[in-house]
C-alpha atoms as a PDB file:
ATOM      1  CA  MET A   1      26.637  -1.206  21.071  1.00  0.00           C
ATOM      2  CA  LEU A   2      23.687  -1.671  18.736  1.00  0.00           C
ATOM      3  CA  TRP A   3      24.503  -2.204  15.074  1.00  0.00           C
ATOM      4  CA  LEU A   4      22.117  -0.951  12.412  1.00  0.00           C
ATOM      5  CA  ARG A   5      22.127  -2.638   9.034  1.00  0.00           C
ATOM      6  CA  GLY A   6      23.877  -0.525   6.431  1.00  0.00           C
ATOM      7  CA  LYS A   7      25.299   1.940   8.936  1.00  0.00           C
ATOM      8  CA  SER A   8      28.891   1.892  10.097  1.00  0.00           C
ATOM      9  CA  TYR A   9      29.996   2.286  13.697  1.00  0.00           C
ATOM     10  CA  SER A  10      31.042   5.744  14.857  1.00  0.00           C
ATOM     11  CA  GLN A  11      34.565   7.051  14.513  1.00  0.00           C
ATOM     12  CA  ASP A  12      34.705   7.470  18.290  1.00  0.00           C
ATOM     13  CA  LEU A  13      34.198   3.735  18.735  1.00  0.00           C
ATOM     14  CA  ARG A  14      36.918   2.991  16.195  1.00  0.00           C
ATOM     15  CA  GLU A  15      39.325   5.254  18.088  1.00  0.00           C
ATOM     16  CA  ARG A  16      38.537   3.444  21.346  1.00  0.00           C
ATOM     17  CA  VAL A  17      39.276   0.116  19.604  1.00  0.00           C
ATOM     18  CA  PHE A  18      42.628   1.488  18.400  1.00  0.00           C
ATOM     19  CA  ALA A  19      43.437   2.888  21.861  1.00  0.00           C
ATOM     20  CA  GLY A  20      42.740  -0.485  23.471  1.00  0.00           C
ATOM     21  CA  ALA A  21      44.860  -2.304  20.905  1.00  0.00           C
ATOM     22  CA  ASP A  22      47.690   0.220  21.328  1.00  0.00           C
ATOM     23  CA  ASP A  23      47.573  -0.416  25.094  1.00  0.00           C
ATOM     24  CA  GLY A  24      48.123  -4.121  24.392  1.00  0.00           C
ATOM     25  CA  GLU A  25      44.656  -5.409  25.274  1.00  0.00           C
ATOM     26  CA  PRO A  26      43.565  -8.624  23.562  1.00  0.00           C
ATOM     27  CA  VAL A  27      40.887  -8.446  20.874  1.00  0.00           C
ATOM     28  CA  GLY A  28      38.333 -10.369  22.953  1.00  0.00           C
ATOM     29  CA  ARG A  29      38.657  -8.021  25.919  1.00  0.00           C
ATOM     30  CA  ILE A  30      38.317  -4.933  23.694  1.00  0.00           C
ATOM     31  CA  ALA A  31      35.171  -6.408  22.123  1.00  0.00           C
ATOM     32  CA  ALA A  32      33.647  -7.231  25.515  1.00  0.00           C
ATOM     33  CA  THR A  33      34.496  -3.814  26.958  1.00  0.00           C
ATOM     34  CA  LEU A  34      33.022  -1.915  24.005  1.00  0.00           C
ATOM     35  CA  ARG A  35      30.128  -4.369  23.488  1.00  0.00           C
ATOM     36  CA  VAL A  36      30.956  -5.123  19.864  1.00  0.00           C
ATOM     37  CA  SER A  37      31.828  -8.372  18.149  1.00  0.00           C
ATOM     38  CA  VAL A  38      35.327  -9.802  18.130  1.00  0.00           C
ATOM     39  CA  SER A  39      35.037  -9.929  14.347  1.00  0.00           C
ATOM     40  CA  TYR A  40      34.500  -6.162  14.166  1.00  0.00           C
ATOM     41  CA  VAL A  41      37.524  -5.435  16.342  1.00  0.00           C
ATOM     42  CA  SER A  42      39.799  -7.781  14.402  1.00  0.00           C
ATOM     43  CA  LYS A  43      38.638  -6.396  11.025  1.00  0.00           C
ATOM     44  CA  VAL A  44      39.219  -2.795  12.091  1.00  0.00           C
ATOM     45  CA  LEU A  45      42.660  -3.606  13.447  1.00  0.00           C
ATOM     46  CA  SER A  46      43.663  -5.686  10.420  1.00  0.00           C
ATOM     47  CA  ARG A  47      42.592  -2.916   8.028  1.00  0.00           C
ATOM     48  CA  ARG A  48      44.678  -0.386   9.966  1.00  0.00           C
ATOM     49  CA  LYS A  49      47.640  -2.754   9.854  1.00  0.00           C
ATOM     50  CA  ARG A  50      47.166  -3.550   6.145  1.00  0.00           C
ATOM     51  CA  THR A  51      46.283  -0.121   4.692  1.00  0.00           C
ATOM     52  CA  GLY A  52      46.760   2.406   7.486  1.00  0.00           C
ATOM     53  CA  GLU A  53      43.085   3.448   7.313  1.00  0.00           C
ATOM     54  CA  GLU A  54      41.466   4.389  10.595  1.00  0.00           C
ATOM     55  CA  THR A  55      38.155   5.697   9.291  1.00  0.00           C
ATOM     56  CA  ALA A  56      35.111   3.973   7.878  1.00  0.00           C
ATOM     57  CA  ARG A  57      34.996   3.654   4.135  1.00  0.00           C
ATOM     58  CA  PRO A  58      32.035   5.111   2.258  1.00  0.00           C
ATOM     59  CA  GLN A  59      29.132   2.746   1.727  1.00  0.00           C
ATOM     60  CA  ARG A  60      29.128   0.912  -1.576  1.00  0.00           C
ATOM     61  CA  CYS A  61      26.614  -0.851  -3.779  1.00  0.00           C
ATOM     62  CA  HIS A  62      23.746   1.536  -3.209  1.00  0.00           C
ATOM     63  CA  LEU A  63      21.069   0.618  -5.685  1.00  0.00           C
ATOM     64  CA  VAL A  64      18.930   3.373  -7.061  1.00  0.00           C
ATOM     65  CA  PRO A  65      15.268   2.388  -6.703  1.00  0.00           C
ATOM     66  CA  LYS A  66      13.899   1.085 -10.000  1.00  0.00           C
ATOM     67  CA  LEU A  67      10.994   3.525 -10.029  1.00  0.00           C
ATOM     68  CA  SER A  68      12.878   6.607  -8.832  1.00  0.00           C
ATOM     69  CA  GLY A  69      12.870   8.085 -12.339  1.00  0.00           C
ATOM     70  CA  PRO A  70       9.106   8.028 -12.920  1.00  0.00           C
ATOM     71  CA  HIS A  71       8.176   8.967  -9.313  1.00  0.00           C
ATOM     72  CA  ALA A  72       6.782  12.330 -10.414  1.00  0.00           C
ATOM     73  CA  ALA A  73       4.800  10.718 -13.226  1.00  0.00           C
ATOM     74  CA  ILE A  74       3.427   8.056 -10.855  1.00  0.00           C
ATOM     75  CA  LEU A  75       2.396  10.745  -8.392  1.00  0.00           C
ATOM     76  CA  GLU A  76       0.644  12.647 -11.178  1.00  0.00           C
ATOM     77  CA  GLN A  77      -1.059   9.489 -12.462  1.00  0.00           C
ATOM     78  CA  VAL A  78      -2.347   8.533  -9.014  1.00  0.00           C
ATOM     79  CA  ASN A  79      -3.635  12.055  -8.442  1.00  0.00           C
ATOM     80  CA  LYS A  80      -5.298  11.996 -11.856  1.00  0.00           C
ATOM     81  CA  HIS A  81      -6.811   8.499 -11.357  1.00  0.00           C
ATOM     82  CA  PRO A  82      -7.084   7.906  -7.586  1.00  0.00           C
ATOM     83  CA  ASP A  83      -9.298   4.847  -8.068  1.00  0.00           C
ATOM     84  CA  ALA A  84      -6.769   2.982 -10.248  1.00  0.00           C
ATOM     85  CA  THR A  85      -5.845  -0.508  -9.122  1.00  0.00           C
ATOM     86  CA  ILE A  86      -2.311  -1.834  -8.748  1.00  0.00           C
ATOM     87  CA  ALA A  87      -2.745  -3.849 -11.956  1.00  0.00           C
ATOM     88  CA  GLU A  88      -3.884  -0.751 -13.854  1.00  0.00           C
ATOM     89  CA  LEU A  89      -0.953   1.246 -12.488  1.00  0.00           C
ATOM     90  CA  ARG A  90       1.458  -1.521 -13.567  1.00  0.00           C
ATOM     91  CA  ALA A  91      -0.033  -1.592 -17.060  1.00  0.00           C
ATOM     92  CA  TRP A  92       0.159   2.209 -17.354  1.00  0.00           C
ATOM     93  CA  LEU A  93       3.783   2.188 -16.215  1.00  0.00           C
ATOM     94  CA  LEU A  94       4.717  -0.468 -18.751  1.00  0.00           C
ATOM     95  CA  GLN A  95       2.856   1.259 -21.576  1.00  0.00           C
ATOM     96  CA  THR A  96       4.003   4.836 -20.995  1.00  0.00           C
ATOM     97  CA  HIS A  97       7.453   4.432 -19.425  1.00  0.00           C
ATOM     98  CA  LYS A  98       8.449   0.965 -20.707  1.00  0.00           C
ATOM     99  CA  VAL A  99       9.236  -0.101 -17.128  1.00  0.00           C
ATOM    100  CA  SER A 100       8.080  -3.480 -15.865  1.00  0.00           C
ATOM    101  CA  ALA A 101       7.532  -3.554 -12.118  1.00  0.00           C
ATOM    102  CA  SER A 102       6.296  -6.279  -9.808  1.00  0.00           C
ATOM    103  CA  THR A 103       3.097  -5.969  -7.835  1.00  0.00           C
ATOM    104  CA  GLY A 104       5.129  -5.696  -4.629  1.00  0.00           C
ATOM    105  CA  LEU A 105       7.209  -2.837  -5.993  1.00  0.00           C
ATOM    106  CA  ILE A 106       4.087  -1.010  -7.149  1.00  0.00           C
ATOM    107  CA  ASN A 107       2.591  -1.548  -3.682  1.00  0.00           C
ATOM    108  CA  LYS A 108       5.651  -0.029  -1.986  1.00  0.00           C
ATOM    109  CA  THR A 109       6.036   2.957  -4.321  1.00  0.00           C
ATOM    110  CA  PRO A 110       2.933   4.915  -3.222  1.00  0.00           C
ATOM    111  CA  ALA A 111       4.046   4.571   0.390  1.00  0.00           C
ATOM    112  CA  ALA A 112       7.406   6.079  -0.584  1.00  0.00           C
ATOM    113  CA  LEU A 113       5.481   8.945  -2.177  1.00  0.00           C
ATOM    114  CA  ASP A 114       3.241   9.356   0.922  1.00  0.00           C
ATOM    115  CA  LEU A 115       0.205   8.131  -0.996  1.00  0.00           C
ATOM    116  CA  THR A 116      -2.339   5.499  -0.129  1.00  0.00           C
ATOM    117  CA  LEU A 117      -4.181   3.283  -2.563  1.00  0.00           C
ATOM    118  CA  LYS A 118      -6.595   1.885   0.006  1.00  0.00           C
ATOM    119  CA  LYS A 119     -10.107   2.235  -1.273  1.00  0.00           C
ATOM    120  CA  VAL A 120     -13.024   2.305   1.139  1.00  0.00           C
ATOM    121  CA  HIS A 121     -16.528   2.673  -0.174  1.00  0.00           C
ATOM    122  CA  PRO A 122     -18.218   5.739   1.413  1.00  0.00           C
ATOM    123  CA  ARG A 123     -20.926   3.619   3.054  1.00  0.00           C
ATOM    124  CA  CYS A 124     -18.392   1.162   4.480  1.00  0.00           C
ATOM    125  CA  ARG A 125     -16.016   3.331   6.409  1.00  0.00           C
ATOM    126  CA  ALA A 126     -13.776   1.548   8.823  1.00  0.00           C
ATOM    127  CA  SER A 127     -15.173   1.648  12.323  1.00  0.00           C
ATOM    128  CA  ALA A 128     -13.432   1.540  15.646  1.00  0.00           C
ATOM    129  CA  ARG A 129     -11.952  -1.838  16.462  1.00  0.00           C
ATOM    130  CA  GLY A 130     -13.640  -3.732  19.207  1.00  0.00           C
ATOM    131  CA  ARG A 131     -13.502  -7.272  20.399  1.00  0.00           C
ATOM    132  CA  GLY A 132     -12.868  -9.866  17.751  1.00  0.00           C
ATOM    133  CA  GLN A 133     -15.930 -11.662  16.446  1.00  0.00           C
ATOM    134  CA  GLY A 134     -16.129 -15.396  16.842  1.00  0.00           C
ATOM    135  CA  PRO A 135     -16.777 -17.617  13.811  1.00  0.00           C
ATOM    136  CA  HIS A 136     -20.419 -18.271  14.730  1.00  0.00           C
ATOM    137  CA  ARG A 137     -21.262 -14.598  15.057  1.00  0.00           C
ATOM    138  CA  MET A 138     -19.496 -13.826  11.786  1.00  0.00           C
ATOM    139  CA  ALA A 139     -21.395 -16.617   9.987  1.00  0.00           C
ATOM    140  CA  ARG A 140     -24.738 -15.324  11.273  1.00  0.00           C
ATOM    141  CA  ALA A 141     -23.840 -11.780  10.249  1.00  0.00           C
ATOM    142  CA  ALA A 142     -22.765 -12.915   6.774  1.00  0.00           C
ATOM    143  CA  ALA A 143     -26.080 -14.710   6.277  1.00  0.00           C
ATOM    144  CA  ARG A 144     -28.013 -11.517   7.054  1.00  0.00           C
ATOM    145  CA  VAL A 145     -25.939  -9.098   4.966  1.00  0.00           C
ATOM    146  CA  ASP A 146     -27.517  -7.430   1.965  1.00  0.00           C
ATOM    147  CA  PRO A 147     -25.106  -7.326  -1.069  1.00  0.00           C
ATOM    148  CA  ILE A 148     -25.428  -3.535  -1.239  1.00  0.00           C
ATOM    149  CA  GLU A 149     -24.459  -3.254   2.427  1.00  0.00           C
ATOM    150  CA  ALA A 150     -21.541  -5.633   1.897  1.00  0.00           C
ATOM    151  CA  CYS A 151     -19.883  -3.007  -0.321  1.00  0.00           C
ATOM    152  CA  LEU A 152     -19.433  -5.367  -3.213  1.00  0.00           C
ATOM    153  CA  HIS A 153     -18.763  -3.025  -6.084  1.00  0.00           C
ATOM    154  CA  ARG A 154     -16.695  -3.071  -9.207  1.00  0.00           C
END
């Protein structure tokens, strides 16, 4: 049985663990049969013995994302200024909403809002990927590149 982080096992699996234990099977055999850890089986059985609970408890300690409050304002700001950098977005957030956020958090927030901050100059659109260029070919190409063609812009 595959365990997903933050998600409890199904109630059906718990009932099969209880049925095996009620039939007198050892914990190790129940775990092997159901393809779960021995630790899981013993914890489920000890909780039933201690408290009588046979269902999973609700998940605890869910943290609300730090920027969930100003999501709408961030979306509006990015739509208003689509060429803003991460640093500019951080400064705006601190100035207007008094929220300090790391660069990583600011990088993840637009993805959560289905936005992209990737900027590609119109003359430098990404092309189809081909074979990787060796270092010699790249060095020769860099020597021949005109700064305007290199898309160096502020």
